Amino acid sequence: MKLKRHLYLWHRWLGIVLCLFMALWLVSGVVMLYVGYPKLTPAEHLARLPALPASGCCVEPGAALAAGQAQQALTGLRLTSIGGQPRYLLGYADSSSQAVDARSGRLLAAVDAEQALASARQFGAGAPAQYRGLVMEDSWSRSRALDADRPLHLVQLADAAQSLLYISSRSGAVVRDASARERAWNWLGAWLHWLYAARDLPWWAELVIYLALAASLMALLGQVLGLLRWRFGKPYRSGSRSPYAGAARWHHLAGLLFGGVLIAWIVSGLLSMRPWQLFDSRSPLSAADYRGAALTAEQLTLPLDESLARLRRAGLNAHELEWRMLGGRAYLSAFDAAGNSRVMGQQAADQAQQLLPSATLQAAAQSMQPAARIEAELLHDYDAYYYARAEQSMYGHQRRPLPVLRVRFDDAAATWLYLDPHSGALLAQLDSRARASRWLFNLLHSWDWQPLLDRPRLREALIILFSLGGLVISLSGILLGWRRLSRLRRPAQRPRPATINPYIPQGEPPCT
């Protein structure tokens, strides 16, 4: 009996502190079903690019490489349009980047306000733009993916969406857009869900982790106590199997019905913070080994105009080009405004094609670990670990084209690769820990299960239903906690005689 009393007390006082957080997490989670944290998707980026000129627009890509000055190995080269002008973007192994004027071959210095405005006007199809200054990080640019582009130029567009654009001070490219609708809803969505008000504190991650850990303990205790108080056999004298009334009864019943899902959501939310390095990769495979060598001017022997001509003959009017190494050879992938693509080698005999041969990708993968045994399979449908998410989700910016080549290694980390035949890109690398995280976080928290992802309305309806159930638990817990604190604040009063029914438990339960 003494142990049970301690369980009640722990549940009660944890609930008084944490039920408010639970309510906020549930409400903000439903908002995030429909409005995600601002991001720039590949489709948005490509749709705003003009077609590259058919000939004579640019210096050769080798000249752009020669203009770069970084000490790191080059991992990729992109020809795109920024501010209405063609520009080469050089990417390096340390995630840094440099920009080269594609007409003159001159390495560009830091981007100024006028160049940022020109980039914004191209993105906004000529919409009026107002420069808002230079920021390192603000409410809508909290992302490690933007670190290489900071500080960011901030430009307000007078378009229909009232878009706020974030522009790289390194390249001049638009790297994030946030519409007025996204900004408004995200105060109630991601901003609350991730406790971004405390994001600048050095212990923000620990705050989220240990709040979620305490909430997990609270909910688990509530589930245990709820089952202990439920009469599975003979009902209470009142005829009910629950001993409570009013808000306490709602709390008890909702906890029994929805408590299991609530526990799964809290625990999986905790795991999303990757606490204590539980899901850090152990895979020995390196993307550098997949590339086989650094991209150099000597690898780019096919003239740019000839590459564009071959792409046009293959049915693609290129809006962006990207060169990358694959198994020690250079390949060019090209995209149009709709996201259609072609890929080709850089030798005189190479022609543009829709997909690279699986054998080419498999050979590059094998070079990452020559002694390992591998199994390769070309997938035409998504599997449990490679799937597309809606644009508003936290993974909505990731390209997930089909078909895709899945390569499985027999190494100690049981590494899987997903390779894109459209471009040769390494799209995902998952070891056994990453695949476990997929089930413990993505499935339990976001319900990323293909039958539900194929039926988004059903998935949304179920998540909202269980969120409402969790909200009943949380709000009733807040009410019960408020009543408990109110009684503690009242001055002691002389007790009055009362008739006590021994068959009805006295007091109210804590939050489940």
Protein backbone atom coordinates (compact mmCIF):
# COMPACT_ATOMS: atom_id res chain seq x y z
CA MET A 1 0.00 0.00 0.00
CA LYS A 2 2.88 2.37 0.78
CA LEU A 3 4.35 1.75 -2.70
CA LYS A 4 0.99 2.42 -4.35
CA ARG A 5 0.69 5.71 -2.46
CA HIS A 6 4.13 6.77 -3.71
CA LEU A 7 3.08 5.92 -7.26
CA TYR A 8 0.01 8.16 -6.87
CA LEU A 9 2.11 10.99 -5.48
CA TRP A 10 4.72 10.79 -8.24
CA HIS A 11 2.03 10.71 -10.90
CA ARG A 12 0.11 13.59 -9.32
CA TRP A 13 3.02 15.99 -8.98
CA LEU A 14 4.59 15.13 -12.31
CA GLY A 15 1.19 15.70 -13.87
CA ILE A 16 0.74 19.10 -12.24
CA VAL A 17 4.00 20.22 -13.87
CA LEU A 18 3.81 18.38 -17.20
CA CYS A 19 0.16 18.19 -18.30
CA LEU A 20 0.41 21.71 -19.73
CA PHE A 21 3.40 20.68 -21.85
CA MET A 22 1.48 17.61 -23.00
CA ALA A 23 -1.45 19.76 -24.14
CA LEU A 24 0.89 22.10 -26.03
CA TRP A 25 2.68 19.20 -27.72
CA LEU A 26 -0.61 17.64 -28.83
CA VAL A 27 -2.11 20.86 -30.22
CA SER A 28 1.10 21.84 -32.00
CA GLY A 29 1.47 18.33 -33.40
CA VAL A 30 -1.94 18.57 -35.10
CA VAL A 31 -0.96 21.96 -36.56
CA MET A 32 2.22 20.41 -37.95
CA LEU A 33 0.14 17.82 -39.81
CA TYR A 34 -0.85 20.62 -42.19
CA VAL A 35 1.76 23.38 -41.83
CA GLY A 36 5.38 22.39 -41.39
CA TYR A 37 8.39 24.45 -40.42
CA PRO A 38 9.42 26.63 -43.38
CA LYS A 39 11.74 25.02 -45.91
CA LEU A 40 12.68 25.34 -49.56
CA THR A 41 11.83 22.14 -51.43
CA PRO A 42 13.62 21.00 -54.61
CA ALA A 43 10.39 21.50 -56.55
CA GLU A 44 10.09 25.13 -55.39
CA HIS A 45 13.72 25.78 -56.27
CA LEU A 46 13.55 24.31 -59.78
CA ALA A 47 10.20 25.88 -60.65
CA ARG A 48 11.70 29.37 -60.31
CA LEU A 49 14.77 28.83 -62.48
CA PRO A 50 14.96 30.05 -66.09
CA ALA A 51 16.21 27.70 -68.79
CA LEU A 52 19.96 27.78 -69.36
CA PRO A 53 20.96 29.39 -72.69
CA ALA A 54 21.50 26.91 -75.48
CA SER A 55 25.04 28.05 -76.21
CA GLY A 56 27.68 30.61 -75.33
CA CYS A 57 26.30 31.39 -71.88
CA CYS A 58 29.16 30.31 -69.70
CA VAL A 59 32.78 29.43 -69.28
CA GLU A 60 33.59 25.74 -69.17
CA PRO A 61 33.03 23.98 -65.82
CA GLY A 62 36.76 23.24 -65.59
CA ALA A 63 37.45 26.99 -65.55
CA ALA A 64 35.00 27.38 -62.67
CA LEU A 65 36.84 24.68 -60.72
CA ALA A 66 40.13 26.43 -61.34
CA ALA A 67 38.71 29.65 -59.87
CA GLY A 68 37.87 28.00 -56.56
CA GLN A 69 40.19 28.53 -53.63
CA ALA A 70 39.00 26.12 -50.93
CA GLN A 71 41.45 23.69 -49.38
CA GLN A 72 38.88 20.88 -49.03
CA ALA A 73 38.15 18.26 -51.69
CA LEU A 74 35.46 19.28 -54.15
CA THR A 75 32.34 17.11 -53.86
CA GLY A 76 30.07 18.70 -56.45
CA LEU A 77 29.63 21.47 -59.00
CA ARG A 78 26.32 23.05 -59.94
CA LEU A 79 25.39 25.43 -62.78
CA THR A 80 22.24 27.36 -61.94
CA SER A 81 20.76 30.86 -62.24
CA ILE A 82 20.93 33.43 -59.45
CA GLY A 83 19.56 36.92 -59.86
CA GLY A 84 18.92 36.23 -63.54
CA GLN A 85 22.58 35.38 -64.17
CA PRO A 86 24.20 31.94 -64.67
CA ARG A 87 26.40 30.96 -61.76
CA TYR A 88 28.56 28.00 -60.82
CA LEU A 89 28.29 26.82 -57.21
CA LEU A 90 31.18 24.74 -55.85
CA GLY A 91 30.54 22.42 -52.90
CA TYR A 92 33.27 21.06 -50.66
CA ALA A 93 33.68 18.17 -48.24
CA ASP A 94 33.48 20.46 -45.19
CA SER A 95 30.02 21.68 -46.39
CA SER A 96 31.42 25.08 -47.39
CA SER A 97 30.65 26.53 -50.80
CA GLN A 98 31.89 29.14 -53.27
CA ALA A 99 30.23 30.94 -56.15
CA VAL A 100 31.77 31.67 -59.55
CA ASP A 101 30.34 34.03 -62.17
CA ALA A 102 29.57 31.63 -65.02
CA ARG A 103 30.05 34.31 -67.68
CA SER A 104 33.45 35.59 -66.59
CA GLY A 105 34.79 32.67 -64.56
CA ARG A 106 35.55 35.03 -61.68
CA LEU A 107 35.27 33.89 -58.07
CA LEU A 108 32.63 36.03 -56.37
CA ALA A 109 33.13 37.74 -53.04
CA ALA A 110 30.45 37.90 -50.35
CA VAL A 111 27.01 38.70 -51.74
CA ASP A 112 25.78 42.22 -51.03
CA ALA A 113 22.26 43.59 -50.54
CA GLU A 114 21.75 44.48 -54.22
CA GLN A 115 22.66 40.97 -55.35
CA ALA A 116 20.35 39.51 -52.70
CA LEU A 117 17.48 41.67 -53.99
CA ALA A 118 18.15 40.52 -57.57
CA SER A 119 18.05 36.89 -56.43
CA ALA A 120 14.79 37.54 -54.59
CA ARG A 121 13.19 39.17 -57.64
CA GLN A 122 14.09 36.15 -59.80
CA PHE A 123 12.60 33.81 -57.21
CA GLY A 124 9.47 35.95 -56.90
CA ALA A 125 8.98 36.32 -60.67
CA GLY A 126 9.52 40.07 -60.48
CA ALA A 127 7.44 40.75 -57.37
CA PRO A 128 8.53 43.90 -55.46
CA ALA A 129 11.17 43.09 -52.86
CA GLN A 130 12.22 44.93 -49.70
CA TYR A 131 15.60 44.29 -48.09
CA ARG A 132 15.30 43.53 -44.36
CA GLY A 133 18.94 43.15 -43.35
CA LEU A 134 21.49 40.45 -42.54
CA VAL A 135 20.75 37.79 -39.89
CA MET A 136 22.69 34.89 -38.47
CA GLU A 137 19.58 33.05 -37.27
CA ASP A 138 16.00 33.99 -36.53
CA SER A 139 12.64 32.35 -35.87
CA TRP A 140 12.38 30.71 -39.32
CA SER A 141 16.00 29.81 -40.07
CA ARG A 142 16.78 27.44 -37.20
CA SER A 143 18.35 24.67 -39.23
CA ARG A 144 21.84 23.20 -39.37
CA ALA A 145 21.39 22.79 -43.12
CA LEU A 146 21.75 26.57 -43.45
CA ASP A 147 25.00 26.87 -41.47
CA ALA A 148 27.23 26.96 -44.56
CA ASP A 149 25.21 29.91 -45.97
CA ARG A 150 25.19 32.15 -42.88
CA PRO A 151 24.86 35.03 -42.40
CA LEU A 152 21.64 35.20 -44.40
CA HIS A 153 20.16 38.13 -46.28
CA LEU A 154 16.51 38.65 -45.38
CA VAL A 155 14.18 39.93 -48.12
CA GLN A 156 10.41 40.49 -47.93
CA LEU A 157 8.51 39.82 -51.15
CA ALA A 158 5.24 41.58 -51.95
CA ASP A 159 3.82 38.47 -53.61
CA ALA A 160 0.49 36.78 -52.89
CA ALA A 161 2.04 34.62 -50.15
CA GLN A 162 3.94 37.55 -48.56
CA SER A 163 7.05 35.37 -48.68
CA LEU A 164 10.06 36.03 -46.49
CA LEU A 165 13.20 34.89 -48.31
CA TYR A 166 16.53 33.85 -46.81
CA ILE A 167 19.45 34.30 -49.21
CA SER A 168 22.94 32.86 -48.83
CA SER A 169 25.66 35.47 -48.28
CA ARG A 170 28.10 32.99 -49.88
CA SER A 171 26.32 32.20 -53.15
CA GLY A 172 23.35 34.57 -53.42
CA ALA A 173 20.94 31.63 -53.80
CA VAL A 174 17.58 31.56 -52.06
CA VAL A 175 17.94 28.84 -49.45
CA ARG A 176 14.63 29.19 -47.57
CA ASP A 177 11.22 30.76 -48.05
CA ALA A 178 8.58 31.31 -45.39
CA SER A 179 5.10 32.45 -46.38
CA ALA A 180 2.93 34.57 -44.08
CA ARG A 181 0.66 31.55 -43.53
CA GLU A 182 3.61 29.36 -42.51
CA ARG A 183 4.96 32.00 -40.17
CA ALA A 184 1.59 32.56 -38.47
CA TRP A 185 0.73 28.90 -37.96
CA ASN A 186 4.22 27.93 -36.86
CA TRP A 187 3.93 30.00 -33.69
CA LEU A 188 1.29 27.43 -32.75
CA GLY A 189 3.05 24.55 -34.54
CA ALA A 190 6.79 23.84 -34.66
CA TRP A 191 7.67 26.80 -32.44
CA LEU A 192 5.66 25.34 -29.56
CA HIS A 193 6.35 21.70 -30.35
CA TRP A 194 10.13 22.04 -30.20
CA LEU A 195 10.13 24.66 -27.42
CA TYR A 196 11.99 27.07 -29.70
CA ALA A 197 11.55 29.89 -27.20
CA ALA A 198 14.42 28.21 -25.33
CA ARG A 199 16.37 27.29 -28.49
CA ASP A 200 19.20 29.76 -27.79
CA LEU A 201 19.89 28.32 -24.35
CA PRO A 202 22.96 26.05 -24.21
CA TRP A 203 20.89 23.37 -22.49
CA TRP A 204 17.88 23.50 -24.85
CA ALA A 205 18.37 19.90 -26.05
CA GLU A 206 18.68 18.62 -22.46
CA LEU A 207 15.53 20.56 -21.51
CA VAL A 208 13.48 18.86 -24.24
CA ILE A 209 14.98 15.43 -23.51
CA TYR A 210 14.38 15.46 -19.77
CA LEU A 211 10.92 17.03 -20.01
CA ALA A 212 9.96 14.22 -22.40
CA LEU A 213 11.58 11.65 -20.10
CA ALA A 214 9.61 12.93 -17.10
CA ALA A 215 6.41 13.02 -19.17
CA SER A 216 7.02 9.41 -20.23
CA LEU A 217 7.31 8.36 -16.60
CA MET A 218 4.18 10.32 -15.70
CA ALA A 219 2.12 8.74 -18.49
CA LEU A 220 3.38 5.23 -17.73
CA LEU A 221 2.49 5.61 -14.04
CA GLY A 222 -0.93 6.88 -15.03
CA GLN A 223 -1.52 3.85 -17.21
CA VAL A 224 -0.54 1.48 -14.40
CA LEU A 225 -2.69 3.29 -11.83
CA GLY A 226 -5.60 3.54 -14.24
CA LEU A 227 -5.59 -0.22 -14.69
CA LEU A 228 -5.33 -0.78 -10.92
CA ARG A 229 -8.40 1.40 -10.29
CA TRP A 230 -10.50 -0.23 -13.03
CA ARG A 231 -12.83 -3.01 -11.86
CA PHE A 232 -12.52 -5.79 -14.41
CA GLY A 233 -14.72 -8.08 -12.32
CA LYS A 234 -17.36 -6.80 -9.97
CA PRO A 235 -18.20 -3.10 -10.52
CA TYR A 236 -18.19 -0.50 -7.78
CA ARG A 237 -21.36 0.00 -5.75
CA SER A 238 -22.29 2.91 -8.03
CA GLY A 239 -22.49 0.43 -10.91
CA SER A 240 -19.47 1.87 -12.66
CA ARG A 241 -16.15 0.16 -13.15
CA SER A 242 -14.40 3.47 -12.56
CA PRO A 243 -14.53 4.86 -9.02
CA TYR A 244 -14.37 8.51 -10.10
CA ALA A 245 -16.81 11.22 -11.16
CA GLY A 246 -16.60 14.47 -13.12
CA ALA A 247 -13.22 15.50 -14.50
CA ALA A 248 -11.55 12.62 -12.67
CA ARG A 249 -13.77 10.13 -14.51
CA TRP A 250 -12.97 11.71 -17.87
CA HIS A 251 -9.31 11.53 -16.96
CA HIS A 252 -9.50 7.87 -15.97
CA LEU A 253 -11.47 6.70 -19.01
CA ALA A 254 -9.48 8.74 -21.55
CA GLY A 255 -6.26 7.47 -20.00
CA LEU A 256 -7.34 3.86 -20.43
CA LEU A 257 -8.48 4.44 -24.03
CA PHE A 258 -5.72 6.68 -25.33
CA GLY A 259 -2.89 6.35 -22.80
CA GLY A 260 -0.96 3.74 -24.78
CA VAL A 261 -0.74 5.94 -27.88
CA LEU A 262 0.14 8.93 -25.71
CA ILE A 263 3.05 7.03 -24.16
CA ALA A 264 4.25 6.00 -27.65
CA TRP A 265 4.14 9.62 -28.82
CA ILE A 266 6.06 10.94 -25.81
CA VAL A 267 8.76 8.27 -25.91
CA SER A 268 9.22 8.55 -29.67
CA GLY A 269 9.37 12.34 -29.38
CA LEU A 270 12.12 11.90 -26.82
CA LEU A 271 14.03 9.64 -29.22
CA SER A 272 13.75 12.26 -32.00
CA MET A 273 16.31 14.29 -30.05
CA ARG A 274 18.80 11.43 -30.50
CA PRO A 275 19.62 11.34 -26.77
CA TRP A 276 22.85 9.88 -25.41
CA GLN A 277 24.09 8.96 -28.94
CA LEU A 278 21.69 6.00 -29.02
CA PHE A 279 21.26 6.14 -32.79
CA ASP A 280 24.64 7.47 -33.92
CA SER A 281 25.83 5.61 -37.01
CA ARG A 282 28.39 2.81 -36.67
CA SER A 283 28.75 2.29 -40.40
CA PRO A 284 32.33 2.36 -41.71
CA LEU A 285 31.19 3.35 -45.20
CA SER A 286 32.17 6.79 -46.49
CA ALA A 287 30.55 8.91 -49.20
CA ALA A 288 34.08 9.85 -50.33
CA ASP A 289 34.73 6.19 -51.19
CA TYR A 290 31.47 6.11 -53.17
CA ARG A 291 32.65 9.08 -55.21
CA GLY A 292 36.00 7.39 -55.71
CA ALA A 293 37.94 10.63 -56.29
CA ALA A 294 37.59 14.36 -55.96
CA LEU A 295 35.99 16.24 -58.86
CA THR A 296 38.70 17.90 -60.94
CA ALA A 297 38.85 19.85 -64.21
CA GLU A 298 40.57 16.88 -65.90
CA GLN A 299 37.42 14.81 -65.36
CA LEU A 300 35.22 17.31 -67.26
CA THR A 301 36.31 16.72 -70.83
CA LEU A 302 32.94 17.22 -72.57
CA PRO A 303 32.33 20.87 -73.57
CA LEU A 304 29.36 22.56 -71.91
CA ASP A 305 27.58 23.48 -75.16
CA GLU A 306 27.89 19.89 -76.38
CA SER A 307 26.46 18.59 -73.08
CA LEU A 308 23.46 20.93 -73.40
CA ALA A 309 22.92 19.88 -77.02
CA ARG A 310 22.94 16.18 -76.10
CA LEU A 311 20.46 16.86 -73.32
CA ARG A 312 18.12 18.65 -75.73
CA ARG A 313 18.32 15.72 -78.16
CA ALA A 314 17.34 13.47 -75.24
CA GLY A 315 14.23 15.61 -74.67
CA LEU A 316 15.33 17.83 -71.77
CA ASN A 317 15.62 21.62 -71.77
CA ALA A 318 17.97 22.03 -68.83
CA HIS A 319 17.36 24.61 -66.08
CA GLU A 320 20.09 23.34 -63.76
CA LEU A 321 23.15 21.12 -64.16
CA GLU A 322 25.12 19.25 -61.54
CA TRP A 323 28.43 17.40 -61.90
CA ARG A 324 29.45 14.73 -59.39
CA MET A 325 31.90 11.86 -59.12
CA LEU A 326 30.68 8.26 -59.10
CA GLY A 327 33.13 5.40 -58.74
CA GLY A 328 36.03 7.57 -59.95
CA ARG A 329 34.19 8.95 -63.03
CA ALA A 330 32.42 12.27 -63.54
CA TYR A 331 28.71 12.35 -64.39
CA LEU A 332 26.41 15.20 -65.27
CA SER A 333 22.78 15.26 -64.12
CA ALA A 334 20.36 17.82 -65.54
CA PHE A 335 16.92 19.00 -64.39
CA ASP A 336 14.16 21.06 -65.95
CA ALA A 337 11.65 23.27 -64.12
CA ALA A 338 9.24 20.35 -63.55
CA GLY A 339 11.94 18.15 -61.98
CA ASN A 340 12.41 15.88 -65.02
CA SER A 341 15.99 14.73 -65.36
CA ARG A 342 18.65 13.17 -67.57
CA VAL A 343 22.11 11.87 -66.69
CA MET A 344 25.23 11.37 -68.79
CA GLY A 345 28.94 10.66 -68.47
CA GLN A 346 31.56 13.20 -69.47
CA GLN A 347 33.38 11.22 -72.15
CA ALA A 348 33.08 11.91 -75.88
CA ALA A 349 30.98 8.79 -76.51
CA ASP A 350 28.54 9.33 -73.61
CA GLN A 351 24.92 10.18 -74.38
CA ALA A 352 22.18 11.49 -72.11
CA GLN A 353 19.90 8.82 -70.67
CA GLN A 354 17.08 8.65 -68.15
CA LEU A 355 18.75 6.17 -65.79
CA LEU A 356 22.27 5.01 -65.07
CA PRO A 357 22.80 1.24 -65.34
CA SER A 358 22.40 -0.57 -62.03
CA ALA A 359 25.80 -2.19 -62.60
CA THR A 360 27.46 1.25 -62.60
CA LEU A 361 25.88 2.18 -59.27
CA GLN A 362 26.59 -1.23 -57.79
CA ALA A 363 30.27 -1.04 -58.74
CA ALA A 364 30.57 2.38 -57.08
CA ALA A 365 28.90 1.02 -53.95
CA GLN A 366 31.20 -2.00 -53.87
CA SER A 367 34.22 0.32 -53.91
CA MET A 368 33.12 1.65 -50.51
CA GLN A 369 33.96 -1.73 -48.97
CA PRO A 370 35.58 -4.04 -51.56
CA ALA A 371 35.76 -7.09 -49.27
CA ALA A 372 32.11 -6.99 -48.25
CA ARG A 373 29.37 -9.09 -49.81
CA ILE A 374 26.51 -6.98 -51.15
CA GLU A 375 22.98 -7.53 -52.41
CA ALA A 376 21.53 -5.03 -54.87
CA GLU A 377 17.92 -4.64 -55.95
CA LEU A 378 16.26 -2.02 -58.16
CA LEU A 379 13.08 -0.92 -56.36
CA HIS A 380 10.12 0.44 -58.30
CA ASP A 381 8.05 0.91 -55.14
CA TYR A 382 8.89 2.38 -51.75
CA ASP A 383 9.99 0.03 -48.99
CA ALA A 384 9.85 0.37 -45.20
CA TYR A 385 12.92 2.63 -45.04
CA TYR A 386 12.77 4.61 -48.27
CA TYR A 387 9.54 6.50 -48.82
CA ALA A 388 8.24 9.95 -49.71
CA ARG A 389 6.64 12.35 -47.26
CA ALA A 390 4.29 15.26 -47.83
CA GLU A 391 5.89 18.67 -48.39
CA GLN A 392 4.83 20.01 -44.99
CA SER A 393 6.50 17.18 -43.07
CA MET A 394 9.96 17.58 -41.56
CA TYR A 395 11.29 15.35 -44.37
CA GLY A 396 9.34 17.06 -47.14
CA HIS A 397 12.49 18.61 -48.63
CA GLN A 398 14.12 15.24 -49.32
CA ARG A 399 13.99 13.92 -52.86
CA ARG A 400 12.70 10.36 -52.99
CA PRO A 401 12.55 9.42 -56.70
CA LEU A 402 11.72 5.98 -58.09
CA PRO A 403 13.15 3.66 -59.19
CA VAL A 404 15.98 3.49 -56.66
CA LEU A 405 18.79 0.97 -56.24
CA ARG A 406 18.95 -0.56 -52.76
CA VAL A 407 22.34 -2.01 -51.84
CA ARG A 408 22.72 -4.07 -48.65
CA PHE A 409 26.13 -4.81 -47.13
CA ASP A 410 27.00 -7.69 -44.82
CA ASP A 411 29.27 -5.47 -42.65
CA ALA A 412 29.02 -5.35 -38.85
CA ALA A 413 26.75 -2.30 -38.99
CA ALA A 414 24.45 -3.96 -41.59
CA THR A 415 24.58 -0.87 -43.82
CA TRP A 416 22.00 -0.21 -46.52
CA LEU A 417 22.40 2.34 -49.32
CA TYR A 418 19.75 3.90 -51.56
CA LEU A 419 21.26 5.13 -54.84
CA ASP A 420 19.50 7.33 -57.40
CA PRO A 421 19.78 6.00 -61.00
CA HIS A 422 18.55 9.41 -62.26
CA SER A 423 21.67 11.20 -61.03
CA GLY A 424 24.01 8.74 -59.30
CA ALA A 425 23.45 10.51 -55.95
CA LEU A 426 23.69 8.66 -52.65
CA LEU A 427 20.21 9.43 -51.30
CA ALA A 428 20.33 7.58 -47.98
CA GLN A 429 22.72 5.51 -45.90
CA LEU A 430 21.17 3.52 -43.06
CA ASP A 431 22.84 1.15 -40.63
CA SER A 432 20.98 -1.05 -38.14
CA ARG A 433 20.70 1.81 -35.64
CA ALA A 434 19.20 4.16 -38.21
CA ARG A 435 16.66 1.51 -39.21
CA ALA A 436 15.75 1.00 -35.55
CA SER A 437 15.26 4.77 -35.23
CA ARG A 438 12.90 4.62 -38.20
CA TRP A 439 10.54 2.33 -36.25
CA LEU A 440 10.96 3.91 -32.83
CA PHE A 441 10.60 7.50 -34.02
CA ASN A 442 9.13 7.80 -37.51
CA LEU A 443 6.55 5.04 -37.10
CA LEU A 444 5.50 5.67 -33.50
CA HIS A 445 5.59 9.47 -33.68
CA SER A 446 4.51 10.33 -37.23
CA TRP A 447 2.79 7.07 -38.17
CA ASP A 448 5.00 6.68 -41.24
CA TRP A 449 3.52 3.39 -42.35
CA GLN A 450 3.06 2.98 -46.07
CA PRO A 451 -0.59 1.82 -45.99
CA LEU A 452 -1.41 5.01 -44.03
CA LEU A 453 0.86 7.24 -46.13
CA ASP A 454 -1.05 5.96 -49.18
CA ARG A 455 -4.28 7.07 -47.44
CA PRO A 456 -3.39 10.52 -46.05
CA ARG A 457 -6.95 11.46 -45.06
CA LEU A 458 -7.33 8.30 -42.98
CA ARG A 459 -3.93 8.88 -41.37
CA GLU A 460 -4.80 12.48 -40.52
CA ALA A 461 -8.19 11.50 -39.11
CA LEU A 462 -6.67 8.84 -36.85
CA ILE A 463 -3.92 11.16 -35.61
CA ILE A 464 -6.46 13.90 -34.84
CA LEU A 465 -8.75 11.43 -33.06
CA PHE A 466 -5.98 10.14 -30.80
CA SER A 467 -4.68 13.68 -30.29
CA LEU A 468 -8.13 14.72 -29.06
CA GLY A 469 -8.10 11.76 -26.69
CA GLY A 470 -4.68 12.80 -25.41
CA LEU A 471 -5.95 16.36 -25.05
CA VAL A 472 -8.81 15.15 -22.85
CA ILE A 473 -6.23 13.42 -20.63
CA SER A 474 -4.06 16.53 -20.48
CA LEU A 475 -6.80 19.13 -19.95
CA SER A 476 -8.56 17.08 -17.30
CA GLY A 477 -5.17 16.59 -15.63
CA ILE A 478 -4.60 20.36 -15.69
CA LEU A 479 -8.01 20.90 -14.07
CA LEU A 480 -7.36 18.31 -11.38
CA GLY A 481 -3.92 19.74 -10.72
CA TRP A 482 -5.35 23.27 -10.43
CA ARG A 483 -7.91 22.07 -7.91
CA ARG A 484 -5.20 20.33 -5.90
CA LEU A 485 -3.01 23.47 -5.82
CA SER A 486 -6.01 25.64 -4.98
CA ARG A 487 -6.76 23.50 -1.93
CA LEU A 488 -3.13 23.80 -0.81
CA ARG A 489 -3.32 27.60 -1.05
CA ARG A 490 -6.47 27.88 1.09
CA PRO A 491 -6.02 28.64 4.81
CA ALA A 492 -6.69 25.72 7.10
CA GLN A 493 -10.36 25.51 8.13
CA ARG A 494 -12.00 23.77 10.98
CA PRO A 495 -13.27 20.45 9.65
CA ARG A 496 -17.02 19.96 9.59
CA PRO A 497 -18.69 16.67 10.31
CA ALA A 498 -19.46 14.76 7.17
CA THR A 499 -20.94 11.45 6.21
CA ILE A 500 -18.37 9.36 4.39
CA ASN A 501 -19.42 6.59 2.06
CA PRO A 502 -16.70 3.91 2.43
CA TYR A 503 -17.47 2.51 -1.03
CA ILE A 504 -16.55 5.74 -2.89
CA PRO A 505 -12.84 6.67 -2.93
CA GLN A 506 -12.12 10.12 -1.55
CA GLY A 507 -10.12 12.72 -3.43
CA GLU A 508 -9.22 12.87 -7.08
CA PRO A 509 -6.59 11.07 -9.10
CA PRO A 510 -3.61 12.82 -10.63
CA CYS A 511 -2.92 13.29 -14.35
CA THR A 512 -2.53 10.10 -16.38
